Amino acid sequence: MQSTFVQESSVNHSTEYSTENEEFDLEKYFTYVRENSDFDSWTYLLHYLEQNTVPIATIREIFDHFLSKFPYCFGYWKKYADFEAIHSNPKRVEAIFERGVTAISPCVDLWLFYIDFVRERVANGEEARAVSLSISLSEECTLSSYLMRRRRM
């Protein structure tokens, strides 16, 4: 299902755009989704980021806005971290994961992505900050039991 914006738009997506037009269209999409908070339009915009070359500062601004409105979409925390990883910025990746697990601490999948990221950094000899996030006892037990079941598999 296409977003409302895409249905109403007269943009021909098969046309090749110059850099100037891409920036204009991106700003147009971003302005629309900020004003309407339509989830489908946001996901269309994020898909656009994945398919096009966009400055990292713009990517950060868009993901920060999206995740402030939809913090429970754990897959987008991971995508945001992946964008930063592509730009070789492990400190930002770690900060994104920390923000994500703070926003949705019961999300085991996001914790596992974060733990894998930290393990990889440590295995490569890089320094990784210790996780200094407070988790309620029930959430900690849920995570522990999941990890124990995963190890048995």
C-alpha atoms as a PDB file:
ATOM      1  CA  MET A   1       0.000   0.000   0.000  1.00  0.00           C
ATOM      2  CA  GLN A   2       1.403   3.361  -0.992  1.00  0.00           C
ATOM      3  CA  SER A   3       1.349   6.289   1.345  1.00  0.00           C
ATOM      4  CA  THR A   4      -1.118   9.128   0.918  1.00  0.00           C
ATOM      5  CA  PHE A   5       1.709  11.402  -0.147  1.00  0.00           C
ATOM      6  CA  VAL A   6       2.884   9.044  -2.863  1.00  0.00           C
ATOM      7  CA  GLN A   7      -0.640   8.616  -4.222  1.00  0.00           C
ATOM      8  CA  GLU A   8      -1.168  12.373  -4.368  1.00  0.00           C
ATOM      9  CA  SER A   9       2.306  13.127  -5.686  1.00  0.00           C
ATOM     10  CA  SER A  10       2.922  13.881  -9.309  1.00  0.00           C
ATOM     11  CA  VAL A  11       6.534  12.744  -9.024  1.00  0.00           C
ATOM     12  CA  ASN A  12       7.567  10.229 -11.648  1.00  0.00           C
ATOM     13  CA  HIS A  13       9.849   7.876  -9.721  1.00  0.00           C
ATOM     14  CA  SER A  14      11.221   6.277 -12.883  1.00  0.00           C
ATOM     15  CA  THR A  15      12.764   9.561 -14.012  1.00  0.00           C
ATOM     16  CA  GLU A  16      16.410  10.135 -13.214  1.00  0.00           C
ATOM     17  CA  TYR A  17      16.887  13.268 -11.180  1.00  0.00           C
ATOM     18  CA  SER A  18      19.798  15.585 -10.911  1.00  0.00           C
ATOM     19  CA  THR A  19      21.321  16.049  -7.470  1.00  0.00           C
ATOM     20  CA  GLU A  20      19.490  19.355  -7.131  1.00  0.00           C
ATOM     21  CA  ASN A  21      16.077  17.775  -7.802  1.00  0.00           C
ATOM     22  CA  GLU A  22      16.766  14.830  -5.467  1.00  0.00           C
ATOM     23  CA  GLU A  23      17.460  17.224  -2.613  1.00  0.00           C
ATOM     24  CA  PHE A  24      14.307  19.184  -3.417  1.00  0.00           C
ATOM     25  CA  ASP A  25      12.171  16.017  -3.506  1.00  0.00           C
ATOM     26  CA  LEU A  26      13.714  14.743  -0.294  1.00  0.00           C
ATOM     27  CA  GLU A  27      12.960  18.026   1.449  1.00  0.00           C
ATOM     28  CA  LYS A  28       9.418  17.898   0.066  1.00  0.00           C
ATOM     29  CA  TYR A  29       8.897  14.358   1.428  1.00  0.00           C
ATOM     30  CA  PHE A  30      10.422  15.272   4.771  1.00  0.00           C
ATOM     31  CA  THR A  31       8.265  18.387   5.123  1.00  0.00           C
ATOM     32  CA  TYR A  32       5.140  16.373   4.346  1.00  0.00           C
ATOM     33  CA  VAL A  33       5.808  13.611   6.866  1.00  0.00           C
ATOM     34  CA  ARG A  34       6.764  16.047   9.628  1.00  0.00           C
ATOM     35  CA  GLU A  35       3.443  17.828   9.161  1.00  0.00           C
ATOM     36  CA  ASN A  36       1.253  14.723   8.821  1.00  0.00           C
ATOM     37  CA  SER A  37       2.932  12.001  10.930  1.00  0.00           C
ATOM     38  CA  ASP A  38       1.550   9.361   8.583  1.00  0.00           C
ATOM     39  CA  PHE A  39       3.444   6.110   9.289  1.00  0.00           C
ATOM     40  CA  ASP A  40       3.285   4.917   5.667  1.00  0.00           C
ATOM     41  CA  SER A  41       4.734   8.201   4.440  1.00  0.00           C
ATOM     42  CA  TRP A  42       7.539   7.955   6.990  1.00  0.00           C
ATOM     43  CA  THR A  43       8.407   4.431   5.854  1.00  0.00           C
ATOM     44  CA  TYR A  44       8.349   5.588   2.228  1.00  0.00           C
ATOM     45  CA  LEU A  45      10.784   8.362   3.120  1.00  0.00           C
ATOM     46  CA  LEU A  46      13.066   5.937   4.987  1.00  0.00           C
ATOM     47  CA  HIS A  47      12.960   3.586   2.008  1.00  0.00           C
ATOM     48  CA  TYR A  48      13.988   6.525  -0.165  1.00  0.00           C
ATOM     49  CA  LEU A  49      17.055   6.999   2.071  1.00  0.00           C
ATOM     50  CA  GLU A  50      18.033   3.373   1.538  1.00  0.00           C
ATOM     51  CA  GLN A  51      17.746   3.642  -2.247  1.00  0.00           C
ATOM     52  CA  ASN A  52      19.487   6.979  -2.801  1.00  0.00           C
ATOM     53  CA  THR A  53      22.710   8.705  -1.866  1.00  0.00           C
ATOM     54  CA  VAL A  54      21.811  11.133   0.904  1.00  0.00           C
ATOM     55  CA  PRO A  55      24.174  13.089   3.173  1.00  0.00           C
ATOM     56  CA  ILE A  56      24.592  11.430   6.571  1.00  0.00           C
ATOM     57  CA  ALA A  57      23.492  14.623   8.362  1.00  0.00           C
ATOM     58  CA  THR A  58      20.150  14.442   6.532  1.00  0.00           C
ATOM     59  CA  ILE A  59      19.812  10.740   7.328  1.00  0.00           C
ATOM     60  CA  ARG A  60      20.408  11.492  11.006  1.00  0.00           C
ATOM     61  CA  GLU A  61      17.827  14.266  11.055  1.00  0.00           C
ATOM     62  CA  ILE A  62      15.173  12.098   9.391  1.00  0.00           C
ATOM     63  CA  PHE A  63      15.795   9.041  11.585  1.00  0.00           C
ATOM     64  CA  ASP A  64      15.834  11.185  14.739  1.00  0.00           C
ATOM     65  CA  HIS A  65      12.449  12.691  13.824  1.00  0.00           C
ATOM     66  CA  PHE A  66      10.983   9.302  12.879  1.00  0.00           C
ATOM     67  CA  LEU A  67      12.199   7.535  16.013  1.00  0.00           C
ATOM     68  CA  SER A  68      10.950  10.341  18.258  1.00  0.00           C
ATOM     69  CA  LYS A  69       7.464   9.710  16.840  1.00  0.00           C
ATOM     70  CA  PHE A  70       7.682   5.914  16.511  1.00  0.00           C
ATOM     71  CA  PRO A  71      10.215   4.721  19.112  1.00  0.00           C
ATOM     72  CA  TYR A  72       8.854   1.159  19.259  1.00  0.00           C
ATOM     73  CA  CYS A  73       9.878   0.295  15.686  1.00  0.00           C
ATOM     74  CA  PHE A  74      12.977  -1.675  16.657  1.00  0.00           C
ATOM     75  CA  GLY A  75      13.964  -2.505  13.085  1.00  0.00           C
ATOM     76  CA  TYR A  76      14.461   1.172  12.340  1.00  0.00           C
ATOM     77  CA  TRP A  77      16.823   1.577  15.292  1.00  0.00           C
ATOM     78  CA  LYS A  78      18.868  -1.191  13.662  1.00  0.00           C
ATOM     79  CA  LYS A  79      18.700   0.461  10.218  1.00  0.00           C
ATOM     80  CA  TYR A  80      19.807   3.774  11.718  1.00  0.00           C
ATOM     81  CA  ALA A  81      22.739   2.053  13.408  1.00  0.00           C
ATOM     82  CA  ASP A  82      23.601   0.353  10.098  1.00  0.00           C
ATOM     83  CA  PHE A  83      23.738   3.734   8.319  1.00  0.00           C
ATOM     84  CA  GLU A  84      26.202   4.975  10.933  1.00  0.00           C
ATOM     85  CA  ALA A  85      28.234   1.770  10.669  1.00  0.00           C
ATOM     86  CA  ILE A  86      28.532   2.277   6.905  1.00  0.00           C
ATOM     87  CA  HIS A  87      30.054   5.676   7.683  1.00  0.00           C
ATOM     88  CA  SER A  88      32.508   4.057  10.138  1.00  0.00           C
ATOM     89  CA  ASN A  89      31.185   5.766  13.204  1.00  0.00           C
ATOM     90  CA  PRO A  90      31.090   3.111  15.974  1.00  0.00           C
ATOM     91  CA  LYS A  91      30.512   5.619  18.771  1.00  0.00           C
ATOM     92  CA  ARG A  92      27.344   6.846  17.075  1.00  0.00           C
ATOM     93  CA  VAL A  93      26.256   3.244  16.419  1.00  0.00           C
ATOM     94  CA  GLU A  94      26.647   2.482  20.098  1.00  0.00           C
ATOM     95  CA  ALA A  95      24.750   5.653  21.063  1.00  0.00           C
ATOM     96  CA  ILE A  96      21.880   4.717  18.715  1.00  0.00           C
ATOM     97  CA  PHE A  97      21.633   1.235  20.195  1.00  0.00           C
ATOM     98  CA  GLU A  98      21.675   2.709  23.700  1.00  0.00           C
ATOM     99  CA  ARG A  99      18.874   5.120  22.786  1.00  0.00           C
ATOM    100  CA  GLY A 100      16.933   2.245  21.241  1.00  0.00           C
ATOM    101  CA  VAL A 101      17.204  -0.148  24.159  1.00  0.00           C
ATOM    102  CA  THR A 102      16.323   2.709  26.497  1.00  0.00           C
ATOM    103  CA  ALA A 103      13.203   3.494  24.459  1.00  0.00           C
ATOM    104  CA  ILE A 104      12.096  -0.144  24.210  1.00  0.00           C
ATOM    105  CA  SER A 105      14.059  -2.033  26.822  1.00  0.00           C
ATOM    106  CA  PRO A 106      11.855  -5.174  26.668  1.00  0.00           C
ATOM    107  CA  CYS A 107      12.768  -5.653  22.968  1.00  0.00           C
ATOM    108  CA  VAL A 108      15.013  -8.705  23.028  1.00  0.00           C
ATOM    109  CA  ASP A 109      15.837  -8.491  19.317  1.00  0.00           C
ATOM    110  CA  LEU A 110      17.223  -4.972  19.666  1.00  0.00           C
ATOM    111  CA  TRP A 111      19.252  -6.031  22.713  1.00  0.00           C
ATOM    112  CA  LEU A 112      20.694  -8.919  20.701  1.00  0.00           C
ATOM    113  CA  PHE A 113      21.715  -6.587  17.868  1.00  0.00           C
ATOM    114  CA  TYR A 114      23.342  -4.326  20.445  1.00  0.00           C
ATOM    115  CA  ILE A 115      25.120  -7.196  22.200  1.00  0.00           C
ATOM    116  CA  ASP A 116      26.390  -8.541  18.854  1.00  0.00           C
ATOM    117  CA  PHE A 117      27.696  -5.077  17.996  1.00  0.00           C
ATOM    118  CA  VAL A 118      29.549  -4.805  21.330  1.00  0.00           C
ATOM    119  CA  ARG A 119      30.955  -8.342  20.983  1.00  0.00           C
ATOM    120  CA  GLU A 120      32.238  -7.562  17.500  1.00  0.00           C
ATOM    121  CA  ARG A 121      33.939  -4.391  18.705  1.00  0.00           C
ATOM    122  CA  VAL A 122      35.574  -6.184  21.608  1.00  0.00           C
ATOM    123  CA  ALA A 123      36.652  -9.065  19.340  1.00  0.00           C
ATOM    124  CA  ASN A 124      38.281  -6.526  17.016  1.00  0.00           C
ATOM    125  CA  GLY A 125      40.195  -5.035  19.925  1.00  0.00           C
ATOM    126  CA  GLU A 126      38.129  -1.867  20.016  1.00  0.00           C
ATOM    127  CA  GLU A 127      36.950  -0.272  23.207  1.00  0.00           C
ATOM    128  CA  ALA A 128      33.235  -0.510  23.919  1.00  0.00           C
ATOM    129  CA  ARG A 129      31.537   1.258  26.772  1.00  0.00           C
ATOM    130  CA  ALA A 130      29.829  -0.967  29.274  1.00  0.00           C
ATOM    131  CA  VAL A 131      26.083  -0.932  29.045  1.00  0.00           C
ATOM    132  CA  SER A 132      25.076   1.449  31.798  1.00  0.00           C
ATOM    133  CA  LEU A 133      21.357   1.316  31.258  1.00  0.00           C
ATOM    134  CA  SER A 134      19.026   0.513  34.080  1.00  0.00           C
ATOM    135  CA  ILE A 135      16.614  -2.308  33.355  1.00  0.00           C
ATOM    136  CA  SER A 136      13.805  -3.347  35.626  1.00  0.00           C
ATOM    137  CA  LEU A 137      14.197  -6.767  37.228  1.00  0.00           C
ATOM    138  CA  SER A 138      11.390  -8.294  35.145  1.00  0.00           C
ATOM    139  CA  GLU A 139      12.923  -7.068  31.882  1.00  0.00           C
ATOM    140  CA  GLU A 140      16.330  -8.357  32.935  1.00  0.00           C
ATOM    141  CA  CYS A 141      14.834 -11.776  33.723  1.00  0.00           C
ATOM    142  CA  THR A 142      13.039 -11.853  30.377  1.00  0.00           C
ATOM    143  CA  LEU A 143      16.274 -11.085  28.542  1.00  0.00           C
ATOM    144  CA  SER A 144      18.251 -13.626  30.583  1.00  0.00           C
ATOM    145  CA  SER A 145      15.734 -16.418  30.010  1.00  0.00           C
ATOM    146  CA  TYR A 146      15.643 -15.693  26.278  1.00  0.00           C
ATOM    147  CA  LEU A 147      19.428 -15.755  26.016  1.00  0.00           C
ATOM    148  CA  MET A 148      19.585 -19.014  27.980  1.00  0.00           C
ATOM    149  CA  ARG A 149      17.032 -20.621  25.625  1.00  0.00           C
ATOM    150  CA  ARG A 150      18.987 -19.349  22.647  1.00  0.00           C
ATOM    151  CA  ARG A 151      22.221 -20.927  23.930  1.00  0.00           C
ATOM    152  CA  ARG A 152      20.517 -24.318  24.297  1.00  0.00           C
ATOM    153  CA  MET A 153      19.495 -24.337  20.623  1.00  0.00           C
END
